[in-house]
Amino acid sequence: MFMIFISMFMIFVLASIVMTAASIVSKKTIIDREKSSPFECGFDPNGSARMPFSLRFFLIAVIFLIFDVEITLLLPLVSIIELSNIFFYSATALIFLIVLLFGLYFEWHLGALEWSS
C-alpha cells in the first residue's frame, strides 16, 4: 500500500514538473493585438458583434451541406452494385435520387437558391 502511495506521489510530482516547465517555455514574450484576436472569415474581429448577417448566405450554406451529405450517401451505391440484386439496387438509387431532386425543386420553388431578390 505504501509503494502505491509513493508511486502515485512521484507521478504527481513528475506531471507537475513537466506542466510547469511547459508553461514557462511556451510563454510569448511579445503579445501582438492582431495575432491574439480571433479570425473569422470576412468579419472584423474588433468591430461590433451585432452586425446583420446575410440570411441568404446562411441558407445557401445549409443547402450545400444537405446536398453534400446526400452525395456522400450515394457513393456507397457504386461499390455494392455487384453484390446486390440489380432491381433492388436500381429501385433504391432511383428513390433516393427522386427524393434528392424533389428537395432541390422545392428549394428552387421557394426561391432559396436565388442570391438576389
PDB file of N, CA and C in Angstrom:
ATOM      1  N   MET A   1       0.820  -1.195   0.000  1.00  0.00           N
ATOM      2  CA  MET A   1       0.000   0.000   0.000  1.00  0.00           C
ATOM      3  C   MET A   1       0.867   1.264   0.000  1.00  0.00           C
ATOM      4  N   PHE A   2       1.958   1.168   0.777  1.00  0.00           N
ATOM      5  CA  PHE A   2       2.872   2.299   0.857  1.00  0.00           C
ATOM      6  C   PHE A   2       3.556   2.558  -0.485  1.00  0.00           C
ATOM      7  N   MET A   3       3.876   1.493  -1.235  1.00  0.00           N
ATOM      8  CA  MET A   3       4.521   1.641  -2.548  1.00  0.00           C
ATOM      9  C   MET A   3       3.576   2.294  -3.559  1.00  0.00           C
ATOM     10  N   ILE A   4       2.294   1.982  -3.464  1.00  0.00           N
ATOM     11  CA  ILE A   4       1.315   2.603  -4.364  1.00  0.00           C
ATOM     12  C   ILE A   4       1.238   4.107  -4.078  1.00  0.00           C
ATOM     13  N   PHE A   5       1.245   4.464  -2.784  1.00  0.00           N
ATOM     14  CA  PHE A   5       1.211   5.874  -2.409  1.00  0.00           C
ATOM     15  C   PHE A   5       2.460   6.601  -2.900  1.00  0.00           C
ATOM     16  N   ILE A   6       3.615   5.988  -2.756  1.00  0.00           N
ATOM     17  CA  ILE A   6       4.874   6.595  -3.202  1.00  0.00           C
ATOM     18  C   ILE A   6       4.871   6.756  -4.720  1.00  0.00           C
ATOM     19  N   SER A   7       4.419   5.730  -5.457  1.00  0.00           N
ATOM     20  CA  SER A   7       4.413   5.820  -6.916  1.00  0.00           C
ATOM     21  C   SER A   7       3.413   6.869  -7.398  1.00  0.00           C
ATOM     22  N   MET A   8       2.240   6.975  -6.765  1.00  0.00           N
ATOM     23  CA  MET A   8       1.263   7.996  -7.140  1.00  0.00           C
ATOM     24  C   MET A   8       1.816   9.402  -6.856  1.00  0.00           C
ATOM     25  N   PHE A   9       2.502   9.554  -5.734  1.00  0.00           N
ATOM     26  CA  PHE A   9       3.103  10.839  -5.393  1.00  0.00           C
ATOM     27  C   PHE A   9       4.189  11.221  -6.401  1.00  0.00           C
ATOM     28  N   MET A  10       5.000  10.255  -6.807  1.00  0.00           N
ATOM     29  CA  MET A  10       6.063  10.523  -7.789  1.00  0.00           C
ATOM     30  C   MET A  10       5.465  10.885  -9.151  1.00  0.00           C
ATOM     31  N   ILE A  11       4.388  10.215  -9.526  1.00  0.00           N
ATOM     32  CA  ILE A  11       3.714  10.537 -10.799  1.00  0.00           C
ATOM     33  C   ILE A  11       3.161  11.962 -10.736  1.00  0.00           C
ATOM     34  N   PHE A  12       2.555  12.320  -9.600  1.00  0.00           N
ATOM     35  CA  PHE A  12       2.024  13.668  -9.440  1.00  0.00           C
ATOM     36  C   PHE A  12       3.128  14.721  -9.505  1.00  0.00           C
ATOM     37  N   VAL A  13       4.237  14.473  -8.848  1.00  0.00           N
ATOM     38  CA  VAL A  13       5.356  15.421  -8.849  1.00  0.00           C
ATOM     39  C   VAL A  13       5.940  15.548 -10.253  1.00  0.00           C
ATOM     40  N   LEU A  14       6.136  14.425 -10.927  1.00  0.00           N
ATOM     41  CA  LEU A  14       6.686  14.450 -12.279  1.00  0.00           C
ATOM     42  C   LEU A  14       5.759  15.188 -13.245  1.00  0.00           C
ATOM     43  N   ALA A  15       4.436  14.946 -13.154  1.00  0.00           N
ATOM     44  CA  ALA A  15       3.478  15.640 -14.020  1.00  0.00           C
ATOM     45  C   ALA A  15       3.468  17.133 -13.739  1.00  0.00           C
ATOM     46  N   SER A  16       3.574  17.501 -12.464  1.00  0.00           N
ATOM     47  CA  SER A  16       3.609  18.921 -12.108  1.00  0.00           C
ATOM     48  C   SER A  16       4.855  19.600 -12.649  1.00  0.00           C
ATOM     49  N   ILE A  17       5.991  18.926 -12.562  1.00  0.00           N
ATOM     50  CA  ILE A  17       7.233  19.496 -13.086  1.00  0.00           C
ATOM     51  C   ILE A  17       7.144  19.679 -14.599  1.00  0.00           C
ATOM     52  N   VAL A  18       6.621  18.686 -15.310  1.00  0.00           N
ATOM     53  CA  VAL A  18       6.509  18.774 -16.772  1.00  0.00           C
ATOM     54  C   VAL A  18       5.542  19.895 -17.165  1.00  0.00           C
ATOM     55  N   MET A  19       4.407  20.012 -16.476  1.00  0.00           N
ATOM     56  CA  MET A  19       3.447  21.068 -16.811  1.00  0.00           C
ATOM     57  C   MET A  19       4.004  22.453 -16.507  1.00  0.00           C
ATOM     58  N   THR A  20       4.730  22.599 -15.422  1.00  0.00           N
ATOM     59  CA  THR A  20       5.331  23.889 -15.087  1.00  0.00           C
ATOM     60  C   THR A  20       6.405  24.268 -16.099  1.00  0.00           C
ATOM     61  N   ALA A  21       7.231  23.304 -16.482  1.00  0.00           N
ATOM     62  CA  ALA A  21       8.271  23.587 -17.475  1.00  0.00           C
ATOM     63  C   ALA A  21       7.654  23.947 -18.823  1.00  0.00           C
ATOM     64  N   ALA A  22       6.599  23.268 -19.204  1.00  0.00           N
ATOM     65  CA  ALA A  22       5.946  23.573 -20.485  1.00  0.00           C
ATOM     66  C   ALA A  22       5.320  24.955 -20.468  1.00  0.00           C
ATOM     67  N   SER A  23       4.713  25.352 -19.358  1.00  0.00           N
ATOM     68  CA  SER A  23       4.095  26.678 -19.321  1.00  0.00           C
ATOM     69  C   SER A  23       5.140  27.785 -19.290  1.00  0.00           C
ATOM     70  N   ILE A  24       6.297  27.538 -18.674  1.00  0.00           N
ATOM     71  CA  ILE A  24       7.356  28.545 -18.654  1.00  0.00           C
ATOM     72  C   ILE A  24       7.975  28.698 -20.035  1.00  0.00           C
ATOM     73  N   VAL A  25       8.215  27.599 -20.708  1.00  0.00           N
ATOM     74  CA  VAL A  25       8.855  27.634 -22.024  1.00  0.00           C
ATOM     75  C   VAL A  25       7.912  28.211 -23.086  1.00  0.00           C
ATOM     76  N   SER A  26       6.618  27.974 -22.951  1.00  0.00           N
ATOM     77  CA  SER A  26       5.694  28.359 -24.009  1.00  0.00           C
ATOM     78  C   SER A  26       5.195  29.792 -23.909  1.00  0.00           C
ATOM     79  N   LYS A  27       5.589  30.541 -22.941  1.00  0.00           N
ATOM     80  CA  LYS A  27       5.123  31.918 -22.812  1.00  0.00           C
ATOM     81  C   LYS A  27       5.672  32.782 -23.944  1.00  0.00           C
ATOM     82  N   LYS A  28       4.790  33.589 -24.513  1.00  0.00           N
ATOM     83  CA  LYS A  28       5.201  34.526 -25.550  1.00  0.00           C
ATOM     84  C   LYS A  28       5.804  35.754 -24.902  1.00  0.00           C
ATOM     85  N   THR A  29       6.828  36.268 -25.513  1.00  0.00           N
ATOM     86  CA  THR A  29       7.441  37.483 -24.982  1.00  0.00           C
ATOM     87  C   THR A  29       6.793  38.725 -25.584  1.00  0.00           C
ATOM     88  N   ILE A  30       6.316  38.635 -26.829  1.00  0.00           N
ATOM     89  CA  ILE A  30       5.679  39.765 -27.489  1.00  0.00           C
ATOM     90  C   ILE A  30       4.211  39.414 -27.710  1.00  0.00           C
ATOM     91  N   ILE A  31       3.327  40.202 -27.156  1.00  0.00           N
ATOM     92  CA  ILE A  31       1.895  39.977 -27.338  1.00  0.00           C
ATOM     93  C   ILE A  31       1.415  40.931 -28.421  1.00  0.00           C
ATOM     94  N   ASP A  32       0.992  40.379 -29.534  1.00  0.00           N
ATOM     95  CA  ASP A  32       0.526  41.173 -30.661  1.00  0.00           C
ATOM     96  C   ASP A  32      -1.005  41.201 -30.636  1.00  0.00           C
ATOM     97  N   ARG A  33      -1.594  42.376 -30.742  1.00  0.00           N
ATOM     98  CA  ARG A  33      -3.048  42.510 -30.687  1.00  0.00           C
ATOM     99  C   ARG A  33      -3.720  41.800 -31.859  1.00  0.00           C
ATOM    100  N   GLU A  34      -3.143  41.877 -33.036  1.00  0.00           N
ATOM    101  CA  GLU A  34      -3.738  41.256 -34.215  1.00  0.00           C
ATOM    102  C   GLU A  34      -3.649  39.733 -34.153  1.00  0.00           C
ATOM    103  N   LYS A  35      -2.529  39.225 -33.654  1.00  0.00           N
ATOM    104  CA  LYS A  35      -2.379  37.769 -33.592  1.00  0.00           C
ATOM    105  C   LYS A  35      -3.192  37.150 -32.473  1.00  0.00           C
ATOM    106  N   SER A  36      -3.456  37.888 -31.419  1.00  0.00           N
ATOM    107  CA  SER A  36      -4.228  37.318 -30.316  1.00  0.00           C
ATOM    108  C   SER A  36      -5.725  37.443 -30.534  1.00  0.00           C
ATOM    109  N   SER A  37      -6.159  38.207 -31.533  1.00  0.00           N
ATOM    110  CA  SER A  37      -7.594  38.328 -31.796  1.00  0.00           C
ATOM    111  C   SER A  37      -8.046  37.171 -32.683  1.00  0.00           C
ATOM    112  N   PRO A  38      -9.262  36.691 -32.474  1.00  0.00           N
ATOM    113  CA  PRO A  38      -9.753  35.579 -33.297  1.00  0.00           C
ATOM    114  C   PRO A  38     -10.010  36.038 -34.725  1.00  0.00           C
ATOM    115  N   PHE A  39      -9.788  35.138 -35.669  1.00  0.00           N
ATOM    116  CA  PHE A  39     -10.007  35.466 -37.076  1.00  0.00           C
ATOM    117  C   PHE A  39     -11.261  34.765 -37.564  1.00  0.00           C
ATOM    118  N   GLU A  40     -12.219  35.530 -38.010  1.00  0.00           N
ATOM    119  CA  GLU A  40     -13.415  34.991 -38.623  1.00  0.00           C
ATOM    120  C   GLU A  40     -13.410  35.427 -40.078  1.00  0.00           C
ATOM    121  N   CYS A  41     -13.631  34.528 -40.945  1.00  0.00           N
ATOM    122  CA  CYS A  41     -13.532  34.776 -42.376  1.00  0.00           C
ATOM    123  C   CYS A  41     -14.506  35.877 -42.807  1.00  0.00           C
ATOM    124  N   GLY A  42     -13.966  36.991 -43.229  1.00  0.00           N
ATOM    125  CA  GLY A  42     -14.777  38.071 -43.755  1.00  0.00           C
ATOM    126  C   GLY A  42     -15.340  39.021 -42.724  1.00  0.00           C
ATOM    127  N   PHE A  43     -15.078  38.801 -41.449  1.00  0.00           N
ATOM    128  CA  PHE A  43     -15.622  39.660 -40.410  1.00  0.00           C
ATOM    129  C   PHE A  43     -14.489  40.358 -39.680  1.00  0.00           C
ATOM    130  N   ASP A  44     -14.756  41.579 -39.267  1.00  0.00           N
ATOM    131  CA  ASP A  44     -13.785  42.335 -38.481  1.00  0.00           C
ATOM    132  C   ASP A  44     -13.898  41.890 -37.025  1.00  0.00           C
ATOM    133  N   PRO A  45     -12.845  41.287 -36.457  1.00  0.00           N
ATOM    134  CA  PRO A  45     -12.966  40.793 -35.082  1.00  0.00           C
ATOM    135  C   PRO A  45     -13.030  41.904 -34.041  1.00  0.00           C
ATOM    136  N   ASN A  46     -12.603  43.094 -34.396  1.00  0.00           N
ATOM    137  CA  ASN A  46     -12.612  44.192 -33.446  1.00  0.00           C
ATOM    138  C   ASN A  46     -13.836  45.088 -33.598  1.00  0.00           C
ATOM    139  N   GLY A  47     -14.697  44.777 -34.554  1.00  0.00           N
ATOM    140  CA  GLY A  47     -15.888  45.578 -34.776  1.00  0.00           C
ATOM    141  C   GLY A  47     -17.044  45.105 -33.917  1.00  0.00           C
ATOM    142  N   SER A  48     -18.224  45.585 -34.233  1.00  0.00           N
ATOM    143  CA  SER A  48     -19.416  45.230 -33.482  1.00  0.00           C
ATOM    144  C   SER A  48     -19.829  43.796 -33.792  1.00  0.00           C
ATOM    145  N   ALA A  49     -20.228  43.071 -32.766  1.00  0.00           N
ATOM    146  CA  ALA A  49     -20.675  41.690 -32.959  1.00  0.00           C
ATOM    147  C   ALA A  49     -22.137  41.622 -33.353  1.00  0.00           C
ATOM    148  N   ARG A  50     -22.815  42.746 -33.362  1.00  0.00           N
ATOM    149  CA  ARG A  50     -24.247  42.787 -33.673  1.00  0.00           C
ATOM    150  C   ARG A  50     -24.524  43.195 -35.109  1.00  0.00           C
ATOM    151  N   MET A  51     -23.575  42.949 -36.019  1.00  0.00           N
ATOM    152  CA  MET A  51     -23.790  43.285 -37.422  1.00  0.00           C
ATOM    153  C   MET A  51     -24.828  42.331 -38.010  1.00  0.00           C
ATOM    154  N   PRO A  52     -25.664  42.812 -38.915  1.00  0.00           N
ATOM    155  CA  PRO A  52     -26.643  41.910 -39.540  1.00  0.00           C
ATOM    156  C   PRO A  52     -25.943  40.882 -40.415  1.00  0.00           C
ATOM    157  N   PHE A  53     -26.405  39.647 -40.328  1.00  0.00           N
ATOM    158  CA  PHE A  53     -25.825  38.543 -41.084  1.00  0.00           C
ATOM    159  C   PHE A  53     -26.747  38.212 -42.241  1.00  0.00           C
ATOM    160  N   SER A  54     -26.172  37.940 -43.394  1.00  0.00           N
ATOM    161  CA  SER A  54     -26.967  37.638 -44.576  1.00  0.00           C
ATOM    162  C   SER A  54     -27.637  36.280 -44.428  1.00  0.00           C
ATOM    163  N   LEU A  55     -28.960  36.278 -44.360  1.00  0.00           N
ATOM    164  CA  LEU A  55     -29.708  35.036 -44.224  1.00  0.00           C
ATOM    165  C   LEU A  55     -29.628  34.207 -45.499  1.00  0.00           C
ATOM    166  N   ARG A  56     -29.521  34.840 -46.644  1.00  0.00           N
ATOM    167  CA  ARG A  56     -29.398  34.101 -47.909  1.00  0.00           C
ATOM    168  C   ARG A  56     -28.097  33.300 -47.942  1.00  0.00           C
ATOM    169  N   PHE A  57     -27.013  33.913 -47.483  1.00  0.00           N
ATOM    170  CA  PHE A  57     -25.730  33.211 -47.442  1.00  0.00           C
ATOM    171  C   PHE A  57     -25.828  31.992 -46.533  1.00  0.00           C
ATOM    172  N   PHE A  58     -26.475  32.144 -45.388  1.00  0.00           N
ATOM    173  CA  PHE A  58     -26.645  31.038 -44.455  1.00  0.00           C
ATOM    174  C   PHE A  58     -27.479  29.930 -45.085  1.00  0.00           C
ATOM    175  N   LEU A  59     -28.564  30.269 -45.776  1.00  0.00           N
ATOM    176  CA  LEU A  59     -29.407  29.254 -46.408  1.00  0.00           C
ATOM    177  C   LEU A  59     -28.667  28.512 -47.510  1.00  0.00           C
ATOM    178  N   ILE A  60     -27.889  29.225 -48.308  1.00  0.00           N
ATOM    179  CA  ILE A  60     -27.097  28.563 -49.352  1.00  0.00           C
ATOM    180  C   ILE A  60     -26.096  27.603 -48.728  1.00  0.00           C
ATOM    181  N   ALA A  61     -25.474  28.001 -47.631  1.00  0.00           N
ATOM    182  CA  ALA A  61     -24.506  27.128 -46.962  1.00  0.00           C
ATOM    183  C   ALA A  61     -25.182  25.879 -46.409  1.00  0.00           C
ATOM    184  N   VAL A  62     -26.348  26.025 -45.807  1.00  0.00           N
ATOM    185  CA  VAL A  62     -27.066  24.870 -45.257  1.00  0.00           C
ATOM    186  C   VAL A  62     -27.526  23.946 -46.384  1.00  0.00           C
ATOM    187  N   ILE A  63     -28.023  24.501 -47.470  1.00  0.00           N
ATOM    188  CA  ILE A  63     -28.454  23.680 -48.605  1.00  0.00           C
ATOM    189  C   ILE A  63     -27.260  22.935 -49.197  1.00  0.00           C
ATOM    190  N   PHE A  64     -26.118  23.602 -49.293  1.00  0.00           N
ATOM    191  CA  PHE A  64     -24.922  22.927 -49.784  1.00  0.00           C
ATOM    192  C   PHE A  64     -24.552  21.752 -48.890  1.00  0.00           C
ATOM    193  N   LEU A  65     -24.595  21.952 -47.580  1.00  0.00           N
ATOM    194  CA  LEU A  65     -24.258  20.867 -46.661  1.00  0.00           C
ATOM    195  C   LEU A  65     -25.232  19.703 -46.780  1.00  0.00           C
ATOM    196  N   ILE A  66     -26.511  19.992 -46.923  1.00  0.00           N
ATOM    197  CA  ILE A  66     -27.507  18.924 -47.059  1.00  0.00           C
ATOM    198  C   ILE A  66     -27.246  18.113 -48.318  1.00  0.00           C
ATOM    199  N   PHE A  67     -27.045  18.780 -49.443  1.00  0.00           N
ATOM    200  CA  PHE A  67     -26.830  18.053 -50.688  1.00  0.00           C
ATOM    201  C   PHE A  67     -25.465  17.381 -50.714  1.00  0.00           C
ATOM    202  N   ASP A  68     -24.494  17.946 -50.027  1.00  0.00           N
ATOM    203  CA  ASP A  68     -23.182  17.309 -49.951  1.00  0.00           C
ATOM    204  C   ASP A  68     -23.260  16.006 -49.166  1.00  0.00           C
ATOM    205  N   VAL A  69     -24.004  16.004 -48.074  1.00  0.00           N
ATOM    206  CA  VAL A  69     -24.183  14.770 -47.294  1.00  0.00           C
ATOM    207  C   VAL A  69     -24.947  13.734 -48.107  1.00  0.00           C
ATOM    208  N   GLU A  70     -25.938  14.161 -48.869  1.00  0.00           N
ATOM    209  CA  GLU A  70     -26.691  13.206 -49.682  1.00  0.00           C
ATOM    210  C   GLU A  70     -25.826  12.611 -50.783  1.00  0.00           C
ATOM    211  N   ILE A  71     -24.902  13.369 -51.311  1.00  0.00           N
ATOM    212  CA  ILE A  71     -23.992  12.820 -52.321  1.00  0.00           C
ATOM    213  C   ILE A  71     -23.080  11.787 -51.693  1.00  0.00           C
ATOM    214  N   THR A  72     -22.635  12.035 -50.464  1.00  0.00           N
ATOM    215  CA  THR A  72     -21.802  11.020 -49.807  1.00  0.00           C
ATOM    216  C   THR A  72     -22.603   9.768 -49.482  1.00  0.00           C
ATOM    217  N   LEU A  73     -23.912   9.890 -49.346  1.00  0.00           N
ATOM    218  CA  LEU A  73     -24.735   8.697 -49.163  1.00  0.00           C
ATOM    219  C   LEU A  73     -24.920   7.936 -50.466  1.00  0.00           C
ATOM    220  N   LEU A  74     -24.775   8.614 -51.604  1.00  0.00           N
ATOM    221  CA  LEU A  74     -24.883   7.946 -52.900  1.00  0.00           C
ATOM    222  C   LEU A  74     -23.618   7.178 -53.277  1.00  0.00           C
ATOM    223  N   LEU A  75     -22.476   7.580 -52.769  1.00  0.00           N
ATOM    224  CA  LEU A  75     -21.214   6.954 -53.153  1.00  0.00           C
ATOM    225  C   LEU A  75     -21.127   5.458 -52.829  1.00  0.00           C
ATOM    226  N   PRO A  76     -21.624   4.976 -51.683  1.00  0.00           N
ATOM    227  CA  PRO A  76     -21.538   3.529 -51.441  1.00  0.00           C
ATOM    228  C   PRO A  76     -22.373   2.687 -52.404  1.00  0.00           C
ATOM    229  N   LEU A  77     -23.346   3.295 -53.058  1.00  0.00           N
ATOM    230  CA  LEU A  77     -24.152   2.528 -54.016  1.00  0.00           C
ATOM    231  C   LEU A  77     -23.298   2.003 -55.164  1.00  0.00           C
ATOM    232  N   VAL A  78     -22.251   2.724 -55.523  1.00  0.00           N
ATOM    233  CA  VAL A  78     -21.383   2.299 -56.614  1.00  0.00           C
ATOM    234  C   VAL A  78     -20.589   1.056 -56.223  1.00  0.00           C
ATOM    235  N   SER A  79     -20.176   0.971 -54.975  1.00  0.00           N
ATOM    236  CA  SER A  79     -19.351  -0.158 -54.559  1.00  0.00           C
ATOM    237  C   SER A  79     -20.153  -1.429 -54.333  1.00  0.00           C
ATOM    238  N   ILE A  80     -21.474  -1.345 -54.131  1.00  0.00           N
ATOM    239  CA  ILE A  80     -22.254  -2.555 -53.885  1.00  0.00           C
ATOM    240  C   ILE A  80     -23.063  -2.992 -55.093  1.00  0.00           C
ATOM    241  N   ILE A  81     -22.796  -2.422 -56.249  1.00  0.00           N
ATOM    242  CA  ILE A  81     -23.595  -2.767 -57.431  1.00  0.00           C
ATOM    243  C   ILE A  81     -23.438  -4.238 -57.814  1.00  0.00           C
ATOM    244  N   GLU A  82     -22.260  -4.805 -57.603  1.00  0.00           N
ATOM    245  CA  GLU A  82     -22.043  -6.204 -57.967  1.00  0.00           C
ATOM    246  C   GLU A  82     -22.497  -7.160 -56.877  1.00  0.00           C
ATOM    247  N   LEU A  83     -22.700  -6.684 -55.672  1.00  0.00           N
ATOM    248  CA  LEU A  83     -23.070  -7.545 -54.551  1.00  0.00           C
ATOM    249  C   LEU A  83     -24.570  -7.660 -54.353  1.00  0.00           C
ATOM    250  N   SER A  84     -25.343  -6.805 -54.991  1.00  0.00           N
ATOM    251  CA  SER A  84     -26.780  -6.799 -54.740  1.00  0.00           C
ATOM    252  C   SER A  84     -27.556  -7.114 -56.011  1.00  0.00           C
ATOM    253  N   ASN A  85     -28.833  -7.344 -55.812  1.00  0.00           N
ATOM    254  CA  ASN A  85     -29.757  -7.582 -56.919  1.00  0.00           C
ATOM    255  C   ASN A  85     -29.910  -6.268 -57.692  1.00  0.00           C
ATOM    256  N   ILE A  86     -29.842  -6.337 -58.991  1.00  0.00           N
ATOM    257  CA  ILE A  86     -29.863  -5.124 -59.813  1.00  0.00           C
ATOM    258  C   ILE A  86     -31.199  -4.382 -59.694  1.00  0.00           C
ATOM    259  N   PHE A  87     -32.300  -5.128 -59.482  1.00  0.00           N
ATOM    260  CA  PHE A  87     -33.598  -4.485 -59.337  1.00  0.00           C
ATOM    261  C   PHE A  87     -33.658  -3.666 -58.044  1.00  0.00           C
ATOM    262  N   PHE A  88     -33.245  -4.262 -56.926  1.00  0.00           N
ATOM    263  CA  PHE A  88     -33.270  -3.548 -55.657  1.00  0.00           C
ATOM    264  C   PHE A  88     -32.271  -2.398 -55.653  1.00  0.00           C
ATOM    265  N   TYR A  89     -31.138  -2.600 -56.290  1.00  0.00           N
ATOM    266  CA  TYR A  89     -30.138  -1.540 -56.397  1.00  0.00           C
ATOM    267  C   TYR A  89     -30.704  -0.363 -57.180  1.00  0.00           C
ATOM    268  N   SER A  90     -31.317  -0.635 -58.322  1.00  0.00           N
ATOM    269  CA  SER A  90     -31.871   0.431 -59.157  1.00  0.00           C
ATOM    270  C   SER A  90     -33.021   1.139 -58.462  1.00  0.00           C
ATOM    271  N   ALA A  91     -33.879   0.365 -57.781  1.00  0.00           N
ATOM    272  CA  ALA A  91     -35.016   0.968 -57.086  1.00  0.00           C
ATOM    273  C   ALA A  91     -34.543   1.874 -55.951  1.00  0.00           C
ATOM    274  N   THR A  92     -33.562   1.422 -55.191  1.00  0.00           N
ATOM    275  CA  THR A  92     -33.043   2.234 -54.091  1.00  0.00           C
ATOM    276  C   THR A  92     -32.403   3.511 -54.621  1.00  0.00           C
ATOM    277  N   ALA A  93     -31.574   3.386 -55.640  1.00  0.00           N
ATOM    278  CA  ALA A  93     -30.910   4.563 -56.203  1.00  0.00           C
ATOM    279  C   ALA A  93     -31.928   5.525 -56.808  1.00  0.00           C
ATOM    280  N   LEU A  94     -32.931   5.005 -57.488  1.00  0.00           N
ATOM    281  CA  LEU A  94     -33.936   5.855 -58.116  1.00  0.00           C
ATOM    282  C   LEU A  94     -34.768   6.595 -57.074  1.00  0.00           C
ATOM    283  N   ILE A  95     -35.189   5.911 -56.027  1.00  0.00           N
ATOM    284  CA  ILE A  95     -35.972   6.562 -54.969  1.00  0.00           C
ATOM    285  C   ILE A  95     -35.137   7.648 -54.288  1.00  0.00           C
ATOM    286  N   PHE A  96     -33.879   7.335 -54.020  1.00  0.00           N
ATOM    287  CA  PHE A  96     -33.007   8.311 -53.365  1.00  0.00           C
ATOM    288  C   PHE A  96     -32.809   9.536 -54.251  1.00  0.00           C
ATOM    289  N   LEU A  97     -32.588   9.327 -55.546  1.00  0.00           N
ATOM    290  CA  LEU A  97     -32.404  10.459 -56.459  1.00  0.00           C
ATOM    291  C   LEU A  97     -33.684  11.266 -56.633  1.00  0.00           C
ATOM    292  N   ILE A  98     -34.830  10.587 -56.625  1.00  0.00           N
ATOM    293  CA  ILE A  98     -36.103  11.313 -56.743  1.00  0.00           C
ATOM    294  C   ILE A  98     -36.319  12.200 -55.522  1.00  0.00           C
ATOM    295  N   VAL A  99     -36.034  11.681 -54.328  1.00  0.00           N
ATOM    296  CA  VAL A  99     -36.160  12.491 -53.115  1.00  0.00           C
ATOM    297  C   VAL A  99     -35.191  13.677 -53.163  1.00  0.00           C
ATOM    298  N   LEU A 100     -33.968  13.432 -53.635  1.00  0.00           N
ATOM    299  CA  LEU A 100     -32.973  14.497 -53.752  1.00  0.00           C
ATOM    300  C   LEU A 100     -33.426  15.564 -54.744  1.00  0.00           C
ATOM    301  N   LEU A 101     -33.916  15.162 -55.896  1.00  0.00           N
ATOM    302  CA  LEU A 101     -34.371  16.123 -56.899  1.00  0.00           C
ATOM    303  C   LEU A 101     -35.640  16.853 -56.453  1.00  0.00           C
ATOM    304  N   PHE A 102     -36.518  16.147 -55.728  1.00  0.00           N
ATOM    305  CA  PHE A 102     -37.713  16.811 -55.204  1.00  0.00           C
ATOM    306  C   PHE A 102     -37.333  17.886 -54.195  1.00  0.00           C
ATOM    307  N   GLY A 103     -36.347  17.601 -53.349  1.00  0.00           N
ATOM    308  CA  GLY A 103     -35.865  18.607 -52.399  1.00  0.00           C
ATOM    309  C   GLY A 103     -35.251  19.804 -53.101  1.00  0.00           C
ATOM    310  N   LEU A 104     -34.484  19.541 -54.160  1.00  0.00           N
ATOM    311  CA  LEU A 104     -33.891  20.628 -54.932  1.00  0.00           C
ATOM    312  C   LEU A 104     -34.971  21.481 -55.592  1.00  0.00           C
ATOM    313  N   TYR A 105     -35.977  20.820 -56.177  1.00  0.00           N
ATOM    314  CA  TYR A 105     -37.073  21.558 -56.796  1.00  0.00           C
ATOM    315  C   TYR A 105     -37.823  22.385 -55.762  1.00  0.00           C
ATOM    316  N   PHE A 106     -38.059  21.822 -54.580  1.00  0.00           N
ATOM    317  CA  PHE A 106     -38.771  22.532 -53.518  1.00  0.00           C
ATOM    318  C   PHE A 106     -38.005  23.783 -53.087  1.00  0.00           C
ATOM    319  N   GLU A 107     -36.683  23.653 -52.911  1.00  0.00           N
ATOM    320  CA  GLU A 107     -35.865  24.816 -52.538  1.00  0.00           C
ATOM    321  C   GLU A 107     -35.849  25.855 -53.662  1.00  0.00           C
ATOM    322  N   TRP A 108     -35.810  25.402 -54.890  1.00  0.00           N
ATOM    323  CA  TRP A 108     -35.821  26.306 -56.025  1.00  0.00           C
ATOM    324  C   TRP A 108     -37.162  27.034 -56.118  1.00  0.00           C
ATOM    325  N   HIS A 109     -38.254  26.286 -55.899  1.00  0.00           N
ATOM    326  CA  HIS A 109     -39.598  26.861 -55.972  1.00  0.00           C
ATOM    327  C   HIS A 109     -39.813  27.908 -54.884  1.00  0.00           C
ATOM    328  N   LEU A 110     -39.251  27.707 -53.699  1.00  0.00           N
ATOM    329  CA  LEU A 110     -39.389  28.684 -52.625  1.00  0.00           C
ATOM    330  C   LEU A 110     -38.497  29.909 -52.816  1.00  0.00           C
ATOM    331  N   GLY A 111     -37.541  29.803 -53.736  1.00  0.00           N
ATOM    332  CA  GLY A 111     -36.655  30.930 -54.011  1.00  0.00           C
ATOM    333  C   GLY A 111     -35.428  30.982 -53.128  1.00  0.00           C
ATOM    334  N   ALA A 112     -35.129  29.892 -52.422  1.00  0.00           N
ATOM    335  CA  ALA A 112     -33.971  29.884 -51.535  1.00  0.00           C
ATOM    336  C   ALA A 112     -32.666  29.830 -52.306  1.00  0.00           C
ATOM    337  N   LEU A 113     -32.707  29.427 -53.560  1.00  0.00           N
ATOM    338  CA  LEU A 113     -31.487  29.329 -54.355  1.00  0.00           C
ATOM    339  C   LEU A 113     -31.163  30.595 -55.124  1.00  0.00           C
ATOM    340  N   GLU A 114     -32.040  31.593 -55.041  1.00  0.00           N
ATOM    341  CA  GLU A 114     -31.785  32.867 -55.717  1.00  0.00           C
ATOM    342  C   GLU A 114     -30.977  33.756 -54.783  1.00  0.00           C
ATOM    343  N   TRP A 115     -29.857  34.270 -55.270  1.00  0.00           N
ATOM    344  CA  TRP A 115     -28.983  35.068 -54.418  1.00  0.00           C
ATOM    345  C   TRP A 115     -29.557  36.462 -54.174  1.00  0.00           C
ATOM    346  N   SER A 116     -30.119  37.072 -55.188  1.00  0.00           N
ATOM    347  CA  SER A 116     -30.701  38.411 -55.017  1.00  0.00           C
ATOM    348  C   SER A 116     -32.194  38.346 -55.233  1.00  0.00           C
ATOM    349  N   SER A 117     -32.911  39.128 -54.445  1.00  0.00           N
ATOM    350  CA  SER A 117     -34.366  39.125 -54.612  1.00  0.00           C
ATOM    351  C   SER A 117     -34.913  40.531 -54.673  1.00  0.00           C
TER     352      SER A 117
END
